[in-house]
Amino acid sequence: PEDTIIRQGGAILIVEDHSGVLGVCGLRYDSPGRYEVTKMAIREDMRSRGIGRSLLSRVISHARQLGSKQLFIISNTVLAPAISLYRQLGFVDVPLSTQQEYARGNIELELNLCSSCCLILAGNGSKSFFLTMPDKTSSNDNYINRTDFHDH
């Protein structure tokens, strides 16, 4: 992920609490103004608690901060709860790109971002954010900006 996402101008957002990692989502640079939401996963025992919605909302905010004008997701319709979440947050179905690289991908969704509704994610501008629940302490490293995750 560091070579394919971080060093290419994207980000990886991780949510954790005292029990460990709750969820993760990548934001991969695709082309000027366009990023892919990728590898989003929520720990199975933590689903249906709003963590995915909060995480994806932070991903969208961070994409805006990076100057993204459009996000896209390639997924599979078997992941109905995820597809529903994407649509609830404004993603719309578009024709599946013939250039997509995911063998199991059978649906593509896009979200056009408007600068007038920009949300700012607190941070120092680093390329990766590690979101930590307030009761978890963790050490810093050289490329991860740690911030509290309060959207729960």
C-alpha atoms as a PDB file:
ATOM      1  CA  PRO A   1       0.000   0.000   0.000  1.00  0.00           C
ATOM      2  CA  GLU A   2       2.817   2.458   0.666  1.00  0.00           C
ATOM      3  CA  ASP A   3       4.114   2.203  -2.912  1.00  0.00           C
ATOM      4  CA  THR A   4       0.780   1.875  -4.731  1.00  0.00           C
ATOM      5  CA  ILE A   5      -1.296   4.283  -2.648  1.00  0.00           C
ATOM      6  CA  ILE A   6       0.722   6.548  -0.326  1.00  0.00           C
ATOM      7  CA  ARG A   7       3.657   7.424  -2.601  1.00  0.00           C
ATOM      8  CA  GLN A   8       1.308   7.970  -5.535  1.00  0.00           C
ATOM      9  CA  GLY A   9      -0.541  10.754  -3.694  1.00  0.00           C
ATOM     10  CA  GLY A  10      -3.279   8.762  -1.983  1.00  0.00           C
ATOM     11  CA  ALA A  11      -4.025   7.895   1.617  1.00  0.00           C
ATOM     12  CA  ILE A  12      -4.933   5.005   3.874  1.00  0.00           C
ATOM     13  CA  LEU A  13      -7.378   5.679   6.690  1.00  0.00           C
ATOM     14  CA  ILE A  14      -7.567   3.237   9.595  1.00  0.00           C
ATOM     15  CA  VAL A  15     -10.022   3.211  12.478  1.00  0.00           C
ATOM     16  CA  GLU A  16      -9.059   1.465  15.685  1.00  0.00           C
ATOM     17  CA  ASP A  17     -10.042   1.325  19.314  1.00  0.00           C
ATOM     18  CA  HIS A  18      -8.737  -0.560  22.355  1.00  0.00           C
ATOM     19  CA  SER A  19      -9.693  -3.887  20.713  1.00  0.00           C
ATOM     20  CA  GLY A  20      -7.660  -3.248  17.567  1.00  0.00           C
ATOM     21  CA  VAL A  21      -8.376  -2.252  13.985  1.00  0.00           C
ATOM     22  CA  LEU A  22     -12.076  -1.693  13.286  1.00  0.00           C
ATOM     23  CA  GLY A  23     -11.887  -0.635   9.663  1.00  0.00           C
ATOM     24  CA  VAL A  24      -9.671   0.514   6.837  1.00  0.00           C
ATOM     25  CA  CYS A  25     -10.088   2.309   3.530  1.00  0.00           C
ATOM     26  CA  GLY A  26      -7.678   3.364   0.808  1.00  0.00           C
ATOM     27  CA  LEU A  27      -7.850   6.468  -1.346  1.00  0.00           C
ATOM     28  CA  ARG A  28      -5.813   5.807  -4.508  1.00  0.00           C
ATOM     29  CA  TYR A  29      -4.786   8.593  -6.906  1.00  0.00           C
ATOM     30  CA  ASP A  30      -6.074   7.766 -10.397  1.00  0.00           C
ATOM     31  CA  SER A  31      -5.609  10.938 -12.452  1.00  0.00           C
ATOM     32  CA  PRO A  32      -5.701  14.710 -11.866  1.00  0.00           C
ATOM     33  CA  GLY A  33      -8.800  15.431  -9.775  1.00  0.00           C
ATOM     34  CA  ARG A  34      -9.857  11.772  -9.634  1.00  0.00           C
ATOM     35  CA  TYR A  35      -9.291   9.228  -6.839  1.00  0.00           C
ATOM     36  CA  GLU A  36     -10.461   5.677  -6.265  1.00  0.00           C
ATOM     37  CA  VAL A  37     -11.960   4.553  -2.967  1.00  0.00           C
ATOM     38  CA  THR A  38     -10.412   1.129  -2.543  1.00  0.00           C
ATOM     39  CA  LYS A  39     -10.018  -1.760  -0.136  1.00  0.00           C
ATOM     40  CA  MET A  40     -12.687  -0.557   2.283  1.00  0.00           C
ATOM     41  CA  ALA A  41     -13.324  -3.134   4.993  1.00  0.00           C
ATOM     42  CA  ILE A  42     -14.933  -3.101   8.421  1.00  0.00           C
ATOM     43  CA  ARG A  43     -14.173  -5.843  10.930  1.00  0.00           C
ATOM     44  CA  GLU A  44     -17.078  -8.300  10.817  1.00  0.00           C
ATOM     45  CA  ASP A  45     -18.009  -7.995  14.494  1.00  0.00           C
ATOM     46  CA  MET A  46     -18.088  -4.183  14.197  1.00  0.00           C
ATOM     47  CA  ARG A  47     -20.421  -3.852  11.209  1.00  0.00           C
ATOM     48  CA  SER A  48     -23.784  -2.040  11.428  1.00  0.00           C
ATOM     49  CA  ARG A  49     -22.441   0.427  14.019  1.00  0.00           C
ATOM     50  CA  GLY A  50     -21.856   3.415  11.724  1.00  0.00           C
ATOM     51  CA  ILE A  51     -18.102   2.894  11.478  1.00  0.00           C
ATOM     52  CA  GLY A  52     -18.197   2.369   7.708  1.00  0.00           C
ATOM     53  CA  ARG A  53     -20.293   5.502   7.197  1.00  0.00           C
ATOM     54  CA  SER A  54     -17.965   7.587   9.370  1.00  0.00           C
ATOM     55  CA  LEU A  55     -14.859   6.181   7.719  1.00  0.00           C
ATOM     56  CA  LEU A  56     -16.176   6.762   4.200  1.00  0.00           C
ATOM     57  CA  SER A  57     -17.238  10.292   5.173  1.00  0.00           C
ATOM     58  CA  ARG A  58     -13.662  10.962   6.308  1.00  0.00           C
ATOM     59  CA  VAL A  59     -12.324   9.501   3.062  1.00  0.00           C
ATOM     60  CA  ILE A  60     -14.576  11.865   1.094  1.00  0.00           C
ATOM     61  CA  SER A  61     -13.437  14.823   3.197  1.00  0.00           C
ATOM     62  CA  HIS A  62      -9.802  13.913   2.733  1.00  0.00           C
ATOM     63  CA  ALA A  63     -10.277  13.521  -1.028  1.00  0.00           C
ATOM     64  CA  ARG A  64     -11.677  17.053  -1.142  1.00  0.00           C
ATOM     65  CA  GLN A  65      -8.682  18.281   0.838  1.00  0.00           C
ATOM     66  CA  LEU A  66      -6.394  16.653  -1.726  1.00  0.00           C
ATOM     67  CA  GLY A  67      -8.213  18.552  -4.491  1.00  0.00           C
ATOM     68  CA  SER A  68     -10.246  15.659  -5.834  1.00  0.00           C
ATOM     69  CA  LYS A  69     -13.188  16.545  -8.053  1.00  0.00           C
ATOM     70  CA  GLN A  70     -14.430  12.990  -8.420  1.00  0.00           C
ATOM     71  CA  LEU A  71     -14.264   9.701  -6.532  1.00  0.00           C
ATOM     72  CA  PHE A  72     -15.053   6.281  -7.904  1.00  0.00           C
ATOM     73  CA  ILE A  73     -15.522   2.826  -6.461  1.00  0.00           C
ATOM     74  CA  ILE A  74     -15.415  -0.506  -8.253  1.00  0.00           C
ATOM     75  CA  SER A  75     -17.193  -3.181  -6.262  1.00  0.00           C
ATOM     76  CA  ASN A  76     -19.398  -6.242  -6.570  1.00  0.00           C
ATOM     77  CA  THR A  77     -23.174  -6.295  -6.196  1.00  0.00           C
ATOM     78  CA  VAL A  78     -22.899  -9.240  -3.796  1.00  0.00           C
ATOM     79  CA  LEU A  79     -21.726  -6.628  -1.253  1.00  0.00           C
ATOM     80  CA  ALA A  80     -25.230  -5.142  -0.992  1.00  0.00           C
ATOM     81  CA  PRO A  81     -24.746  -3.335   2.363  1.00  0.00           C
ATOM     82  CA  ALA A  82     -21.618  -1.603   1.049  1.00  0.00           C
ATOM     83  CA  ILE A  83     -23.310  -0.629  -2.216  1.00  0.00           C
ATOM     84  CA  SER A  84     -26.225   0.768  -0.228  1.00  0.00           C
ATOM     85  CA  LEU A  85     -23.857   2.838   1.919  1.00  0.00           C
ATOM     86  CA  TYR A  86     -22.083   4.236  -1.143  1.00  0.00           C
ATOM     87  CA  ARG A  87     -25.405   5.293  -2.640  1.00  0.00           C
ATOM     88  CA  GLN A  88     -26.564   6.836   0.651  1.00  0.00           C
ATOM     89  CA  LEU A  89     -23.434   9.009   0.656  1.00  0.00           C
ATOM     90  CA  GLY A  90     -24.128  10.255  -2.872  1.00  0.00           C
ATOM     91  CA  PHE A  91     -22.318   7.804  -5.133  1.00  0.00           C
ATOM     92  CA  VAL A  92     -24.242   6.983  -8.318  1.00  0.00           C
ATOM     93  CA  ASP A  93     -24.004   4.009 -10.629  1.00  0.00           C
ATOM     94  CA  VAL A  94     -22.053   4.556 -13.849  1.00  0.00           C
ATOM     95  CA  PRO A  95     -21.136   2.151 -16.644  1.00  0.00           C
ATOM     96  CA  LEU A  96     -18.364  -0.194 -15.549  1.00  0.00           C
ATOM     97  CA  SER A  97     -15.058   0.964 -17.003  1.00  0.00           C
ATOM     98  CA  THR A  98     -13.507  -1.384 -19.515  1.00  0.00           C
ATOM     99  CA  GLN A  99     -10.111  -0.406 -18.093  1.00  0.00           C
ATOM    100  CA  GLN A 100     -10.878  -1.505 -14.526  1.00  0.00           C
ATOM    101  CA  GLU A 101      -8.452  -4.070 -13.154  1.00  0.00           C
ATOM    102  CA  TYR A 102     -10.636  -5.988 -10.700  1.00  0.00           C
ATOM    103  CA  ALA A 103     -11.740  -9.383 -11.963  1.00  0.00           C
ATOM    104  CA  ARG A 104     -14.612  -9.544  -9.452  1.00  0.00           C
ATOM    105  CA  GLY A 105     -15.781  -5.967  -9.982  1.00  0.00           C
ATOM    106  CA  ASN A 106     -19.207  -5.815 -11.608  1.00  0.00           C
ATOM    107  CA  ILE A 107     -20.385  -2.337 -10.566  1.00  0.00           C
ATOM    108  CA  GLU A 108     -18.834   1.111 -10.657  1.00  0.00           C
ATOM    109  CA  LEU A 109     -20.061   4.117  -8.708  1.00  0.00           C
ATOM    110  CA  GLU A 110     -18.931   7.744  -8.821  1.00  0.00           C
ATOM    111  CA  LEU A 111     -19.263  10.763  -6.591  1.00  0.00           C
ATOM    112  CA  ASN A 112     -18.735  14.241  -8.016  1.00  0.00           C
ATOM    113  CA  LEU A 113     -17.323  16.563  -5.383  1.00  0.00           C
ATOM    114  CA  CYS A 114     -18.206  20.238  -5.324  1.00  0.00           C
ATOM    115  CA  SER A 115     -15.828  22.802  -3.869  1.00  0.00           C
ATOM    116  CA  SER A 116     -18.700  24.778  -2.357  1.00  0.00           C
ATOM    117  CA  CYS A 117     -19.534  21.947   0.042  1.00  0.00           C
ATOM    118  CA  CYS A 118     -15.964  21.151   1.049  1.00  0.00           C
ATOM    119  CA  LEU A 119     -15.374  19.664   4.492  1.00  0.00           C
ATOM    120  CA  ILE A 120     -11.938  20.037   6.013  1.00  0.00           C
ATOM    121  CA  LEU A 121     -10.324  17.099   7.785  1.00  0.00           C
ATOM    122  CA  ALA A 122      -8.057  18.224  10.591  1.00  0.00           C
ATOM    123  CA  GLY A 123      -4.441  17.318  10.074  1.00  0.00           C
ATOM    124  CA  ASN A 124      -1.089  18.579   8.952  1.00  0.00           C
ATOM    125  CA  GLY A 125      -1.363  17.686   5.270  1.00  0.00           C
ATOM    126  CA  SER A 126       0.424  14.340   5.421  1.00  0.00           C
ATOM    127  CA  LYS A 127      -0.510  11.707   2.895  1.00  0.00           C
ATOM    128  CA  SER A 128      -1.920   9.187   5.355  1.00  0.00           C
ATOM    129  CA  PHE A 129      -4.244   9.470   8.326  1.00  0.00           C
ATOM    130  CA  PHE A 130      -4.544   7.039  11.178  1.00  0.00           C
ATOM    131  CA  LEU A 131      -7.816   7.586  12.996  1.00  0.00           C
ATOM    132  CA  THR A 132      -7.707   6.559  16.627  1.00  0.00           C
ATOM    133  CA  MET A 133     -10.639   6.204  18.989  1.00  0.00           C
ATOM    134  CA  PRO A 134     -10.151   8.528  22.010  1.00  0.00           C
ATOM    135  CA  ASP A 135      -9.339   5.738  24.488  1.00  0.00           C
ATOM    136  CA  LYS A 136      -6.461   4.325  22.423  1.00  0.00           C
ATOM    137  CA  THR A 137      -2.884   5.529  22.673  1.00  0.00           C
ATOM    138  CA  SER A 138      -0.376   4.777  19.977  1.00  0.00           C
ATOM    139  CA  SER A 139       3.051   5.882  18.861  1.00  0.00           C
ATOM    140  CA  ASN A 140       3.832   8.110  15.887  1.00  0.00           C
ATOM    141  CA  ASP A 141       5.830   7.072  12.873  1.00  0.00           C
ATOM    142  CA  ASN A 142       7.300   9.117  10.067  1.00  0.00           C
ATOM    143  CA  TYR A 143       4.384   9.246   7.611  1.00  0.00           C
ATOM    144  CA  ILE A 144       1.216   8.713   9.596  1.00  0.00           C
ATOM    145  CA  ASN A 145      -0.662  11.638  11.074  1.00  0.00           C
ATOM    146  CA  ARG A 146      -2.686  10.459  14.064  1.00  0.00           C
ATOM    147  CA  THR A 147      -5.939  12.164  14.915  1.00  0.00           C
ATOM    148  CA  ASP A 148      -8.968  11.384  17.074  1.00  0.00           C
ATOM    149  CA  PHE A 149     -11.928   9.770  15.331  1.00  0.00           C
ATOM    150  CA  HIS A 150     -15.041  11.303  16.904  1.00  0.00           C
ATOM    151  CA  ASP A 151     -17.742  10.288  14.403  1.00  0.00           C
ATOM    152  CA  HIS A 152     -19.172   7.316  16.300  1.00  0.00           C
END
